[in-house]
Amino acid sequence: MSVAQIARLAFTSEDRVRDVLHNFSADAFESLYPRYAGGRPPVFTLAQRREIKKIAKSKPAEHGLPFPGGAWPSWRTSWSRRGWSMTSHTRPCESW
C-alpha cells in the first residue's frame, strides 16, 4: 500500500505514517512499544484506599454481586456504585 492509502485507512497524516515506517525500519517491533508511561498515576485518599482494600478482601456476594471471586465486572460495578472511576479519582464515574 502507498503511504497515502495507509494514512487514509488509519485516519492519520502521511507524515505520521512515514514516521512510523521509518521508526519500524530502524527498531523493528520495538518501535511499536511506547517508551514512556504517560499520565499521572491515580491518587486516592486514605478513606478510599481503606474502602478499596475492604472490597478487595471481600467476596462479591457480600456486595450483592453474582460474580466469582476476583472477577473484573464485580470490581467495576462495586467501584461505580461508589461513584469512583478507574481513570479519575476526582470525578464520579459516569460511563459505567
N, C-alpha and C. Protein backbone atom coordinates (compact mmCIF):
# COMPACT_ATOMS: atom_id res chain seq x y z
N MET A 1 0.84 -1.18 0.00
CA MET A 1 0.00 0.00 0.00
C MET A 1 0.89 1.24 0.00
N SER A 2 0.38 2.27 -0.57
CA SER A 2 1.13 3.53 -0.58
C SER A 2 0.93 4.24 0.77
N VAL A 3 1.80 5.20 1.03
CA VAL A 3 1.69 5.98 2.26
C VAL A 3 0.34 6.69 2.33
N ALA A 4 -0.11 7.22 1.22
CA ALA A 4 -1.40 7.91 1.19
C ALA A 4 -2.55 6.96 1.52
N GLN A 5 -2.50 5.74 1.00
CA GLN A 5 -3.55 4.77 1.29
C GLN A 5 -3.55 4.37 2.77
N ILE A 6 -2.37 4.17 3.32
CA ILE A 6 -2.27 3.81 4.74
C ILE A 6 -2.80 4.95 5.60
N ALA A 7 -2.43 6.17 5.26
CA ALA A 7 -2.89 7.34 6.02
C ALA A 7 -4.41 7.44 6.01
N ARG A 8 -5.02 7.23 4.86
CA ARG A 8 -6.49 7.27 4.78
C ARG A 8 -7.10 6.15 5.61
N LEU A 9 -6.52 4.97 5.53
CA LEU A 9 -7.04 3.81 6.25
C LEU A 9 -6.91 4.00 7.77
N ALA A 10 -5.82 4.62 8.20
CA ALA A 10 -5.56 4.80 9.63
C ALA A 10 -6.07 6.13 10.17
N PHE A 11 -6.71 6.93 9.32
CA PHE A 11 -7.22 8.25 9.72
C PHE A 11 -6.13 9.11 10.35
N THR A 12 -5.00 9.17 9.68
CA THR A 12 -3.88 9.97 10.16
C THR A 12 -3.20 10.66 8.98
N SER A 13 -2.16 11.39 9.27
CA SER A 13 -1.47 12.12 8.20
C SER A 13 -0.40 11.24 7.54
N GLU A 14 -0.04 11.62 6.34
CA GLU A 14 1.02 10.90 5.64
C GLU A 14 2.35 11.04 6.37
N ASP A 15 2.58 12.21 6.98
CA ASP A 15 3.82 12.40 7.74
C ASP A 15 3.91 11.43 8.91
N ARG A 16 2.79 11.20 9.59
CA ARG A 16 2.78 10.26 10.72
C ARG A 16 3.06 8.85 10.23
N VAL A 17 2.49 8.47 9.10
CA VAL A 17 2.74 7.14 8.53
C VAL A 17 4.21 6.99 8.21
N ARG A 18 4.81 8.02 7.60
CA ARG A 18 6.24 7.95 7.27
C ARG A 18 7.10 7.83 8.53
N ASP A 19 6.72 8.56 9.59
CA ASP A 19 7.45 8.45 10.86
C ASP A 19 7.39 7.03 11.42
N VAL A 20 6.21 6.44 11.40
CA VAL A 20 6.06 5.08 11.92
C VAL A 20 6.86 4.09 11.08
N LEU A 21 6.80 4.23 9.76
CA LEU A 21 7.57 3.34 8.89
C LEU A 21 9.07 3.50 9.11
N HIS A 22 9.52 4.74 9.26
CA HIS A 22 10.94 5.00 9.50
C HIS A 22 11.38 4.38 10.83
N ASN A 23 10.57 4.60 11.88
CA ASN A 23 10.89 4.02 13.20
C ASN A 23 10.90 2.51 13.15
N PHE A 24 9.95 1.92 12.41
CA PHE A 24 9.90 0.47 12.31
C PHE A 24 11.13 -0.06 11.56
N SER A 25 11.56 0.64 10.53
CA SER A 25 12.74 0.22 9.80
C SER A 25 13.98 0.27 10.69
N ALA A 26 14.02 1.24 11.58
CA ALA A 26 15.18 1.39 12.45
C ALA A 26 15.17 0.43 13.64
N ASP A 27 14.00 0.24 14.26
CA ASP A 27 13.93 -0.51 15.52
C ASP A 27 13.07 -1.77 15.45
N ALA A 28 12.55 -2.13 14.31
CA ALA A 28 11.68 -3.30 14.14
C ALA A 28 10.49 -3.22 15.11
N PHE A 29 10.12 -4.33 15.71
CA PHE A 29 8.92 -4.36 16.54
C PHE A 29 9.06 -3.56 17.84
N GLU A 30 10.29 -3.29 18.28
CA GLU A 30 10.49 -2.46 19.46
C GLU A 30 9.89 -1.07 19.27
N SER A 31 9.82 -0.60 18.03
CA SER A 31 9.29 0.73 17.76
C SER A 31 7.79 0.82 18.04
N LEU A 32 7.11 -0.32 18.12
CA LEU A 32 5.67 -0.32 18.34
C LEU A 32 5.30 -0.21 19.82
N TYR A 33 6.28 -0.42 20.71
CA TYR A 33 6.02 -0.35 22.14
C TYR A 33 6.38 1.04 22.67
N PRO A 34 5.51 1.67 23.41
CA PRO A 34 5.82 3.01 23.91
C PRO A 34 6.98 2.98 24.89
N ARG A 35 7.79 4.01 24.85
CA ARG A 35 8.95 4.11 25.74
C ARG A 35 8.68 5.03 26.92
N TYR A 36 7.46 5.36 27.14
CA TYR A 36 7.10 6.27 28.21
C TYR A 36 5.80 5.80 28.85
N ALA A 37 5.60 6.22 30.04
CA ALA A 37 4.35 5.95 30.74
C ALA A 37 3.67 7.30 30.96
N GLY A 38 2.79 7.65 30.08
CA GLY A 38 2.15 8.96 30.15
C GLY A 38 1.08 9.04 31.21
N GLY A 39 0.77 10.22 31.57
CA GLY A 39 -0.32 10.46 32.52
C GLY A 39 0.12 10.40 33.96
N ARG A 40 -0.70 10.95 34.78
CA ARG A 40 -0.43 10.99 36.21
C ARG A 40 -1.02 9.75 36.86
N PRO A 41 -0.29 9.11 37.77
CA PRO A 41 -0.86 7.93 38.43
C PRO A 41 -2.04 8.32 39.30
N PRO A 42 -2.99 7.41 39.50
CA PRO A 42 -4.15 7.75 40.32
C PRO A 42 -3.74 8.02 41.76
N VAL A 43 -4.44 8.95 42.38
CA VAL A 43 -4.19 9.29 43.77
C VAL A 43 -5.50 9.10 44.53
N PHE A 44 -5.47 8.28 45.55
CA PHE A 44 -6.66 8.01 46.34
C PHE A 44 -6.47 8.55 47.76
N THR A 45 -7.55 8.96 48.37
CA THR A 45 -7.50 9.40 49.76
C THR A 45 -7.35 8.17 50.65
N LEU A 46 -7.01 8.40 51.91
CA LEU A 46 -6.86 7.29 52.85
C LEU A 46 -8.18 6.53 52.98
N ALA A 47 -9.29 7.24 53.03
CA ALA A 47 -10.61 6.59 53.15
C ALA A 47 -10.90 5.73 51.92
N GLN A 48 -10.56 6.24 50.73
CA GLN A 48 -10.77 5.47 49.51
C GLN A 48 -9.89 4.22 49.50
N ARG A 49 -8.64 4.36 49.91
CA ARG A 49 -7.75 3.19 49.95
C ARG A 49 -8.26 2.13 50.91
N ARG A 50 -8.78 2.55 52.05
CA ARG A 50 -9.34 1.59 53.00
C ARG A 50 -10.55 0.87 52.41
N GLU A 51 -11.40 1.63 51.71
CA GLU A 51 -12.58 1.03 51.08
C GLU A 51 -12.16 0.06 49.97
N ILE A 52 -11.16 0.42 49.18
CA ILE A 52 -10.66 -0.46 48.12
C ILE A 52 -10.12 -1.75 48.72
N LYS A 53 -9.37 -1.62 49.81
CA LYS A 53 -8.83 -2.81 50.48
C LYS A 53 -9.95 -3.69 51.01
N LYS A 54 -10.98 -3.07 51.59
CA LYS A 54 -12.12 -3.84 52.10
C LYS A 54 -12.83 -4.58 50.96
N ILE A 55 -13.01 -3.89 49.85
CA ILE A 55 -13.65 -4.53 48.69
C ILE A 55 -12.78 -5.67 48.16
N ALA A 56 -11.48 -5.44 48.09
CA ALA A 56 -10.57 -6.46 47.55
C ALA A 56 -10.56 -7.72 48.40
N LYS A 57 -10.72 -7.57 49.68
CA LYS A 57 -10.67 -8.73 50.58
C LYS A 57 -12.03 -9.41 50.74
N SER A 58 -13.09 -8.79 50.24
CA SER A 58 -14.42 -9.35 50.41
C SER A 58 -14.82 -10.22 49.21
N LYS A 59 -15.91 -10.92 49.39
CA LYS A 59 -16.47 -11.73 48.32
C LYS A 59 -17.55 -10.93 47.60
N PRO A 60 -17.70 -11.12 46.30
CA PRO A 60 -18.73 -10.37 45.56
C PRO A 60 -20.13 -10.54 46.12
N ALA A 61 -20.43 -11.73 46.66
CA ALA A 61 -21.76 -11.98 47.21
C ALA A 61 -22.06 -11.04 48.38
N GLU A 62 -21.02 -10.59 49.09
CA GLU A 62 -21.21 -9.67 50.20
C GLU A 62 -21.69 -8.30 49.72
N HIS A 63 -21.53 -8.04 48.44
CA HIS A 63 -21.96 -6.77 47.86
C HIS A 63 -23.16 -6.94 46.95
N GLY A 64 -23.77 -8.15 47.02
CA GLY A 64 -24.94 -8.42 46.20
C GLY A 64 -24.61 -8.64 44.74
N LEU A 65 -23.37 -9.10 44.47
CA LEU A 65 -22.94 -9.33 43.09
C LEU A 65 -22.81 -10.82 42.83
N PRO A 66 -23.26 -11.29 41.67
CA PRO A 66 -23.25 -12.72 41.37
C PRO A 66 -21.93 -13.24 40.79
N PHE A 67 -20.90 -12.42 40.69
CA PHE A 67 -19.68 -12.82 40.00
C PHE A 67 -18.77 -13.64 40.90
N PRO A 68 -17.95 -14.52 40.30
CA PRO A 68 -16.99 -15.28 41.09
C PRO A 68 -15.92 -14.36 41.66
N GLY A 69 -15.23 -14.82 42.67
CA GLY A 69 -14.21 -14.00 43.33
C GLY A 69 -13.18 -13.44 42.38
N GLY A 70 -12.89 -12.15 42.50
CA GLY A 70 -11.85 -11.51 41.71
C GLY A 70 -12.25 -11.16 40.30
N ALA A 71 -13.48 -11.36 39.92
CA ALA A 71 -13.88 -11.07 38.54
C ALA A 71 -13.92 -9.56 38.31
N TRP A 72 -13.42 -9.13 37.17
CA TRP A 72 -13.37 -7.69 36.85
C TRP A 72 -14.73 -7.01 36.89
N PRO A 73 -15.80 -7.62 36.35
CA PRO A 73 -17.08 -6.93 36.39
C PRO A 73 -17.53 -6.58 37.81
N SER A 74 -17.20 -7.44 38.79
CA SER A 74 -17.60 -7.14 40.16
C SER A 74 -16.87 -5.92 40.68
N TRP A 75 -15.60 -5.77 40.36
CA TRP A 75 -14.83 -4.60 40.77
C TRP A 75 -15.43 -3.35 40.13
N ARG A 76 -15.66 -3.44 38.84
CA ARG A 76 -16.16 -2.29 38.10
C ARG A 76 -17.51 -1.84 38.65
N THR A 77 -18.40 -2.79 38.89
CA THR A 77 -19.72 -2.46 39.41
C THR A 77 -19.62 -1.90 40.82
N SER A 78 -18.81 -2.54 41.64
CA SER A 78 -18.66 -2.10 43.01
C SER A 78 -18.08 -0.69 43.08
N TRP A 79 -17.09 -0.41 42.26
CA TRP A 79 -16.48 0.92 42.26
C TRP A 79 -17.44 1.96 41.72
N SER A 80 -18.16 1.60 40.65
CA SER A 80 -19.06 2.60 40.06
C SER A 80 -20.22 2.92 40.99
N ARG A 81 -20.66 1.96 41.80
CA ARG A 81 -21.73 2.22 42.77
C ARG A 81 -21.30 3.27 43.78
N ARG A 82 -20.00 3.33 44.02
CA ARG A 82 -19.47 4.31 44.96
C ARG A 82 -19.10 5.62 44.27
N GLY A 83 -19.33 5.71 42.96
CA GLY A 83 -19.04 6.94 42.23
C GLY A 83 -17.57 7.10 41.89
N TRP A 84 -16.80 5.99 41.90
CA TRP A 84 -15.38 6.06 41.59
C TRP A 84 -15.14 5.69 40.15
N SER A 85 -14.13 6.28 39.58
CA SER A 85 -13.75 5.99 38.21
C SER A 85 -12.37 5.36 38.20
N MET A 86 -12.12 4.49 37.23
CA MET A 86 -10.78 3.90 37.09
C MET A 86 -9.81 4.91 36.49
N THR A 87 -10.32 5.97 35.88
CA THR A 87 -9.45 6.93 35.21
C THR A 87 -9.29 8.22 35.98
N SER A 88 -10.16 8.50 36.92
CA SER A 88 -10.07 9.77 37.63
C SER A 88 -10.59 9.59 39.04
N HIS A 89 -9.85 10.08 40.02
CA HIS A 89 -10.30 9.98 41.40
C HIS A 89 -11.10 11.20 41.84
N THR A 90 -11.20 12.19 40.95
CA THR A 90 -11.87 13.42 41.35
C THR A 90 -13.31 13.51 40.84
N ARG A 91 -13.65 12.75 39.81
CA ARG A 91 -14.99 12.83 39.23
C ARG A 91 -15.72 11.51 39.42
N PRO A 92 -17.03 11.54 39.64
CA PRO A 92 -17.78 10.29 39.69
C PRO A 92 -17.76 9.61 38.32
N CYS A 93 -17.84 8.33 38.37
CA CYS A 93 -17.82 7.56 37.12
C CYS A 93 -19.17 7.67 36.45
N GLU A 94 -19.19 8.18 35.24
CA GLU A 94 -20.45 8.36 34.53
C GLU A 94 -20.62 7.37 33.39
N SER A 95 -19.53 6.75 32.94
CA SER A 95 -19.62 5.92 31.75
C SER A 95 -20.02 4.49 32.04
N TRP A 96 -20.00 4.05 33.30
CA TRP A 96 -20.34 2.66 33.59
C TRP A 96 -21.79 2.52 33.90
